[in-house]
N, C-alpha and C. Protein backbone atom coordinates (compact mmCIF):
# COMPACT_ATOMS: atom_id res chain seq x y z
N UNK A 1 2.84 -19.42 -76.62
CA UNK A 1 3.87 -19.71 -75.65
C UNK A 1 3.99 -18.53 -74.69
N UNK A 2 4.00 -18.81 -73.41
CA UNK A 2 4.10 -17.76 -72.40
C UNK A 2 5.50 -17.73 -71.80
N UNK A 3 5.88 -16.62 -71.21
CA UNK A 3 7.21 -16.51 -70.61
C UNK A 3 7.40 -17.51 -69.47
N UNK A 4 8.64 -17.95 -69.33
CA UNK A 4 9.00 -18.84 -68.23
C UNK A 4 10.42 -18.53 -67.81
N UNK A 5 10.80 -19.03 -66.67
CA UNK A 5 12.14 -18.87 -66.14
C UNK A 5 12.74 -20.27 -66.03
N UNK A 6 13.86 -20.48 -66.69
CA UNK A 6 14.54 -21.77 -66.61
C UNK A 6 15.97 -21.52 -66.15
N UNK A 7 16.38 -22.22 -65.09
CA UNK A 7 17.73 -22.12 -64.57
C UNK A 7 18.36 -23.49 -64.61
N UNK A 8 19.55 -23.57 -65.16
CA UNK A 8 20.34 -24.80 -65.17
C UNK A 8 21.70 -24.47 -64.57
N UNK A 9 22.11 -25.26 -63.60
CA UNK A 9 23.37 -25.00 -62.90
C UNK A 9 24.24 -26.23 -62.95
N UNK A 10 25.42 -26.09 -63.52
CA UNK A 10 26.39 -27.19 -63.55
C UNK A 10 27.10 -27.28 -62.22
N UNK A 11 26.63 -28.15 -61.34
CA UNK A 11 27.20 -28.29 -60.01
C UNK A 11 28.57 -28.96 -60.06
N UNK A 12 28.80 -29.80 -61.07
CA UNK A 12 30.10 -30.43 -61.30
C UNK A 12 30.15 -30.84 -62.77
N UNK A 13 31.23 -31.48 -63.19
CA UNK A 13 31.36 -31.89 -64.59
C UNK A 13 30.24 -32.83 -65.02
N UNK A 14 29.75 -33.65 -64.12
CA UNK A 14 28.76 -34.66 -64.47
C UNK A 14 27.39 -34.45 -63.82
N UNK A 15 27.18 -33.31 -63.16
CA UNK A 15 25.93 -33.07 -62.43
C UNK A 15 25.36 -31.70 -62.78
N UNK A 16 24.10 -31.68 -63.21
CA UNK A 16 23.42 -30.42 -63.53
C UNK A 16 22.10 -30.36 -62.78
N UNK A 17 21.82 -29.20 -62.17
CA UNK A 17 20.57 -28.98 -61.47
C UNK A 17 19.66 -28.12 -62.35
N UNK A 18 18.35 -28.36 -62.26
CA UNK A 18 17.41 -27.74 -63.19
C UNK A 18 16.18 -27.22 -62.44
N UNK A 19 15.73 -26.00 -62.82
CA UNK A 19 14.53 -25.38 -62.26
C UNK A 19 13.78 -24.71 -63.41
N UNK A 20 12.47 -24.94 -63.48
CA UNK A 20 11.64 -24.32 -64.52
C UNK A 20 10.31 -23.90 -63.92
N UNK A 21 9.99 -22.62 -64.06
CA UNK A 21 8.71 -22.08 -63.61
C UNK A 21 8.20 -21.14 -64.70
N UNK A 22 6.92 -21.21 -64.96
CA UNK A 22 6.39 -20.37 -66.02
C UNK A 22 4.95 -19.98 -65.79
N UNK A 23 4.48 -19.18 -66.71
CA UNK A 23 3.08 -18.77 -66.69
C UNK A 23 2.25 -19.79 -67.45
N UNK A 24 0.99 -19.89 -67.06
CA UNK A 24 0.06 -20.82 -67.72
C UNK A 24 -1.20 -20.04 -68.11
N UNK A 25 -1.94 -20.61 -69.04
CA UNK A 25 -3.21 -19.99 -69.41
C UNK A 25 -4.22 -21.07 -69.78
N UNK A 26 -5.48 -20.71 -69.63
CA UNK A 26 -6.59 -21.59 -70.01
C UNK A 26 -7.52 -20.76 -70.89
N UNK A 27 -7.48 -21.01 -72.18
CA UNK A 27 -8.34 -20.24 -73.08
C UNK A 27 -9.69 -20.90 -73.29
N UNK A 28 -9.91 -22.06 -72.69
CA UNK A 28 -11.18 -22.78 -72.82
C UNK A 28 -12.20 -22.35 -71.77
N UNK A 29 -11.82 -21.48 -70.87
CA UNK A 29 -12.71 -21.05 -69.80
C UNK A 29 -13.92 -20.29 -70.37
N UNK A 30 -15.16 -20.60 -69.90
CA UNK A 30 -16.34 -19.89 -70.38
C UNK A 30 -16.31 -18.39 -70.03
N UNK A 31 -15.57 -18.01 -68.99
CA UNK A 31 -15.52 -16.61 -68.59
C UNK A 31 -14.35 -15.86 -69.21
N UNK A 32 -13.69 -16.46 -70.19
CA UNK A 32 -12.54 -15.81 -70.84
C UNK A 32 -11.24 -16.46 -70.43
N UNK A 33 -10.19 -16.09 -71.09
CA UNK A 33 -8.88 -16.68 -70.82
C UNK A 33 -8.42 -16.35 -69.40
N UNK A 34 -7.77 -17.33 -68.80
CA UNK A 34 -7.21 -17.16 -67.45
C UNK A 34 -5.70 -17.29 -67.55
N UNK A 35 -4.98 -16.43 -66.83
CA UNK A 35 -3.53 -16.45 -66.81
C UNK A 35 -3.05 -16.50 -65.37
N UNK A 36 -1.90 -17.12 -65.15
CA UNK A 36 -1.30 -17.17 -63.82
C UNK A 36 -0.09 -18.06 -63.81
N UNK A 37 0.48 -18.25 -62.65
CA UNK A 37 1.65 -19.12 -62.57
C UNK A 37 1.22 -20.58 -62.75
N UNK A 38 2.09 -21.33 -63.40
CA UNK A 38 1.83 -22.75 -63.65
C UNK A 38 2.61 -23.62 -62.70
N UNK A 39 2.63 -24.90 -62.97
CA UNK A 39 3.37 -25.84 -62.15
C UNK A 39 4.88 -25.59 -62.29
N UNK A 40 5.65 -26.10 -61.34
CA UNK A 40 7.10 -25.89 -61.29
C UNK A 40 7.80 -27.23 -61.50
N UNK A 41 8.88 -27.20 -62.26
CA UNK A 41 9.66 -28.43 -62.50
C UNK A 41 11.03 -28.31 -61.86
N UNK A 42 11.41 -29.34 -61.11
CA UNK A 42 12.74 -29.46 -60.51
C UNK A 42 13.38 -30.72 -61.07
N UNK A 43 14.66 -30.64 -61.39
CA UNK A 43 15.31 -31.82 -61.93
C UNK A 43 16.80 -31.83 -61.67
N UNK A 44 17.37 -32.98 -61.95
CA UNK A 44 18.80 -33.18 -61.83
C UNK A 44 19.23 -34.08 -62.98
N UNK A 45 20.39 -33.82 -63.54
CA UNK A 45 20.91 -34.70 -64.59
C UNK A 45 22.30 -35.16 -64.16
N UNK A 46 22.48 -36.49 -64.10
CA UNK A 46 23.76 -37.05 -63.70
C UNK A 46 24.30 -37.92 -64.83
N UNK A 47 25.43 -37.52 -65.38
CA UNK A 47 26.08 -38.31 -66.42
C UNK A 47 26.97 -39.34 -65.74
N UNK A 48 26.63 -40.63 -65.92
CA UNK A 48 27.39 -41.68 -65.28
C UNK A 48 28.29 -42.46 -66.24
N UNK A 49 28.16 -42.22 -67.53
CA UNK A 49 29.08 -42.77 -68.52
C UNK A 49 29.48 -41.64 -69.46
N UNK A 50 30.80 -41.43 -69.62
CA UNK A 50 31.28 -40.40 -70.54
C UNK A 50 31.60 -41.01 -71.89
N UNK A 51 31.40 -40.22 -72.93
CA UNK A 51 31.67 -40.68 -74.29
C UNK A 51 33.14 -41.02 -74.46
N UNK A 52 33.38 -42.03 -75.26
CA UNK A 52 34.73 -42.44 -75.62
C UNK A 52 35.12 -41.67 -76.88
N UNK A 53 36.01 -40.71 -76.74
CA UNK A 53 36.36 -39.85 -77.88
C UNK A 53 36.97 -40.62 -79.04
N UNK A 54 37.62 -41.73 -78.77
CA UNK A 54 38.26 -42.51 -79.84
C UNK A 54 37.33 -43.59 -80.40
N UNK A 55 36.21 -43.83 -79.75
CA UNK A 55 35.31 -44.89 -80.18
C UNK A 55 33.89 -44.40 -80.39
N UNK A 56 32.93 -45.29 -80.18
CA UNK A 56 31.52 -44.97 -80.42
C UNK A 56 30.68 -44.86 -79.16
N UNK A 57 31.27 -45.10 -77.99
CA UNK A 57 30.49 -45.07 -76.76
C UNK A 57 29.91 -43.67 -76.52
N UNK A 58 28.59 -43.55 -76.28
CA UNK A 58 27.96 -42.24 -76.05
C UNK A 58 28.03 -41.82 -74.59
N UNK A 59 27.72 -40.55 -74.36
CA UNK A 59 27.45 -40.09 -73.00
C UNK A 59 26.13 -40.71 -72.58
N UNK A 60 26.02 -41.13 -71.33
CA UNK A 60 24.77 -41.69 -70.80
C UNK A 60 24.48 -40.98 -69.49
N UNK A 61 23.25 -40.47 -69.37
CA UNK A 61 22.86 -39.73 -68.17
C UNK A 61 21.47 -40.14 -67.71
N UNK A 62 21.25 -40.02 -66.41
CA UNK A 62 19.94 -40.21 -65.79
C UNK A 62 19.48 -38.82 -65.37
N UNK A 63 18.25 -38.43 -65.75
CA UNK A 63 17.80 -37.06 -65.51
C UNK A 63 16.38 -37.00 -64.96
N UNK A 64 16.17 -37.46 -63.72
CA UNK A 64 14.81 -37.41 -63.16
C UNK A 64 14.33 -35.97 -62.97
N UNK A 65 13.05 -35.77 -63.21
CA UNK A 65 12.43 -34.45 -63.02
C UNK A 65 11.13 -34.63 -62.25
N UNK A 66 10.82 -33.66 -61.41
CA UNK A 66 9.61 -33.68 -60.60
C UNK A 66 8.83 -32.41 -60.87
N UNK A 67 7.59 -32.56 -61.31
CA UNK A 67 6.68 -31.42 -61.51
C UNK A 67 5.87 -31.25 -60.23
N UNK A 68 5.95 -30.06 -59.66
CA UNK A 68 5.23 -29.76 -58.42
C UNK A 68 3.99 -28.93 -58.72
N UNK A 69 2.89 -29.21 -58.02
CA UNK A 69 1.61 -28.53 -58.30
C UNK A 69 1.57 -27.11 -57.76
N UNK A 70 2.25 -26.17 -58.43
CA UNK A 70 2.27 -24.78 -57.98
C UNK A 70 1.18 -23.94 -58.64
N UNK A 71 0.65 -24.41 -59.76
CA UNK A 71 -0.41 -23.68 -60.46
C UNK A 71 -1.75 -23.90 -59.79
N UNK A 72 -2.69 -23.02 -60.04
CA UNK A 72 -4.03 -23.09 -59.45
C UNK A 72 -4.90 -24.05 -60.26
N UNK A 73 -5.13 -25.24 -59.73
CA UNK A 73 -5.90 -26.26 -60.45
C UNK A 73 -7.35 -25.82 -60.67
N UNK A 74 -7.94 -25.11 -59.72
CA UNK A 74 -9.33 -24.66 -59.86
C UNK A 74 -9.51 -23.73 -61.04
N UNK A 75 -8.43 -23.03 -61.43
CA UNK A 75 -8.48 -22.13 -62.58
C UNK A 75 -7.88 -22.77 -63.83
N UNK A 76 -7.63 -24.08 -63.78
CA UNK A 76 -7.05 -24.85 -64.89
C UNK A 76 -5.66 -24.35 -65.27
N UNK A 77 -4.89 -23.90 -64.28
CA UNK A 77 -3.54 -23.42 -64.52
C UNK A 77 -2.48 -24.36 -63.97
N UNK A 78 -2.88 -25.52 -63.56
CA UNK A 78 -1.97 -26.53 -63.05
C UNK A 78 -2.72 -27.84 -62.91
N UNK A 79 -1.97 -28.91 -62.64
CA UNK A 79 -2.61 -30.22 -62.54
C UNK A 79 -3.14 -30.54 -61.15
N UNK A 80 -2.58 -29.89 -60.13
CA UNK A 80 -3.01 -30.18 -58.77
C UNK A 80 -2.33 -31.40 -58.17
N UNK A 81 -1.41 -32.02 -58.92
CA UNK A 81 -0.72 -33.22 -58.45
C UNK A 81 0.75 -33.16 -58.85
N UNK A 82 1.58 -33.84 -58.08
CA UNK A 82 2.99 -33.97 -58.44
C UNK A 82 3.12 -35.08 -59.49
N UNK A 83 4.05 -34.90 -60.40
CA UNK A 83 4.34 -35.89 -61.44
C UNK A 83 5.85 -36.04 -61.53
N UNK A 84 6.29 -37.21 -61.94
CA UNK A 84 7.73 -37.44 -62.10
C UNK A 84 8.00 -38.04 -63.47
N UNK A 85 9.17 -37.74 -64.00
CA UNK A 85 9.63 -38.35 -65.25
C UNK A 85 11.03 -38.86 -65.00
N UNK A 86 11.26 -40.12 -65.36
CA UNK A 86 12.53 -40.78 -65.09
C UNK A 86 13.19 -41.19 -66.41
N UNK A 87 13.91 -40.27 -67.06
CA UNK A 87 14.49 -40.58 -68.36
C UNK A 87 15.95 -41.02 -68.29
N UNK A 88 16.33 -41.76 -69.29
CA UNK A 88 17.72 -42.13 -69.56
C UNK A 88 18.07 -41.46 -70.88
N UNK A 89 19.16 -40.71 -70.91
CA UNK A 89 19.55 -39.93 -72.09
C UNK A 89 20.87 -40.43 -72.62
N UNK A 90 20.93 -40.69 -73.93
CA UNK A 90 22.16 -41.07 -74.60
C UNK A 90 22.50 -39.99 -75.61
N UNK A 91 23.76 -39.60 -75.69
CA UNK A 91 24.16 -38.56 -76.63
C UNK A 91 25.57 -38.76 -77.12
N UNK A 92 25.81 -38.28 -78.31
CA UNK A 92 27.14 -38.42 -78.92
C UNK A 92 27.38 -37.23 -79.84
N UNK A 93 28.58 -36.70 -79.81
CA UNK A 93 28.94 -35.59 -80.67
C UNK A 93 29.87 -36.08 -81.77
N UNK A 94 29.53 -35.74 -83.00
CA UNK A 94 30.34 -36.03 -84.18
C UNK A 94 30.54 -34.68 -84.87
N UNK A 95 31.57 -33.96 -84.50
CA UNK A 95 31.77 -32.59 -84.99
C UNK A 95 31.56 -32.49 -86.49
N UNK A 96 30.75 -31.56 -86.94
CA UNK A 96 30.06 -30.49 -86.21
C UNK A 96 28.67 -30.90 -85.77
N UNK A 97 28.32 -32.18 -85.82
CA UNK A 97 26.98 -32.66 -85.50
C UNK A 97 26.95 -33.29 -84.11
N UNK A 98 25.75 -33.35 -83.56
CA UNK A 98 25.54 -34.11 -82.33
C UNK A 98 24.17 -34.77 -82.42
N UNK A 99 24.04 -35.89 -81.77
CA UNK A 99 22.78 -36.62 -81.76
C UNK A 99 22.51 -37.10 -80.35
N UNK A 100 21.23 -37.16 -79.99
CA UNK A 100 20.88 -37.68 -78.68
C UNK A 100 19.50 -38.32 -78.75
N UNK A 101 19.23 -39.16 -77.78
CA UNK A 101 17.92 -39.79 -77.66
C UNK A 101 17.57 -39.92 -76.19
N UNK A 102 16.28 -40.03 -75.94
CA UNK A 102 15.81 -40.09 -74.56
C UNK A 102 14.67 -41.09 -74.48
N UNK A 103 14.72 -41.93 -73.47
CA UNK A 103 13.63 -42.85 -73.19
C UNK A 103 13.39 -42.79 -71.68
N UNK A 104 12.13 -42.87 -71.29
CA UNK A 104 11.87 -42.73 -69.86
C UNK A 104 10.50 -43.25 -69.45
N UNK A 105 10.26 -43.15 -68.18
CA UNK A 105 9.00 -43.60 -67.59
C UNK A 105 8.36 -42.42 -66.86
N UNK A 106 7.11 -42.14 -67.18
CA UNK A 106 6.37 -41.06 -66.53
C UNK A 106 5.54 -41.63 -65.39
N UNK A 107 5.63 -41.02 -64.24
CA UNK A 107 4.86 -41.40 -63.05
C UNK A 107 3.82 -40.32 -62.84
N UNK A 108 2.57 -40.66 -63.11
CA UNK A 108 1.47 -39.68 -63.02
C UNK A 108 0.33 -40.26 -62.19
N UNK A 109 -0.33 -39.39 -61.47
CA UNK A 109 -1.50 -39.78 -60.71
C UNK A 109 -2.68 -39.85 -61.65
N UNK A 110 -3.46 -40.88 -61.54
CA UNK A 110 -4.67 -41.00 -62.37
C UNK A 110 -5.76 -40.13 -61.83
N UNK A 111 -6.49 -39.53 -62.76
CA UNK A 111 -7.66 -38.72 -62.36
C UNK A 111 -8.86 -39.64 -62.22
N UNK A 112 -9.64 -39.43 -61.20
CA UNK A 112 -10.85 -40.22 -60.99
C UNK A 112 -12.05 -39.34 -61.29
N UNK A 113 -12.90 -39.83 -62.17
CA UNK A 113 -14.08 -39.04 -62.56
C UNK A 113 -15.21 -39.24 -61.59
């Protein structure tokens, strides 16, 4: 695992902004391991249903994320393409426990050989 920088900012009670940038490496290179900056992820999480404290209704949020091709694809340190993930997140807290689940759709460019 290489170092990365992750920033999450609560813009409001129901809105969180997300930034993730890190280092990448390719140890499969015939000329030795390569290190450098990897792709960058930008995201937002919007909670549109709040949990019902007296009942069973969970928090429900939509949290799309976009991976931007910031890494050097020629050096195998990035994909060279933008990708998106469109998840729906459900969560519920039962003190002292919490549980959550996520289901989503990944939008990826196909590689052509």
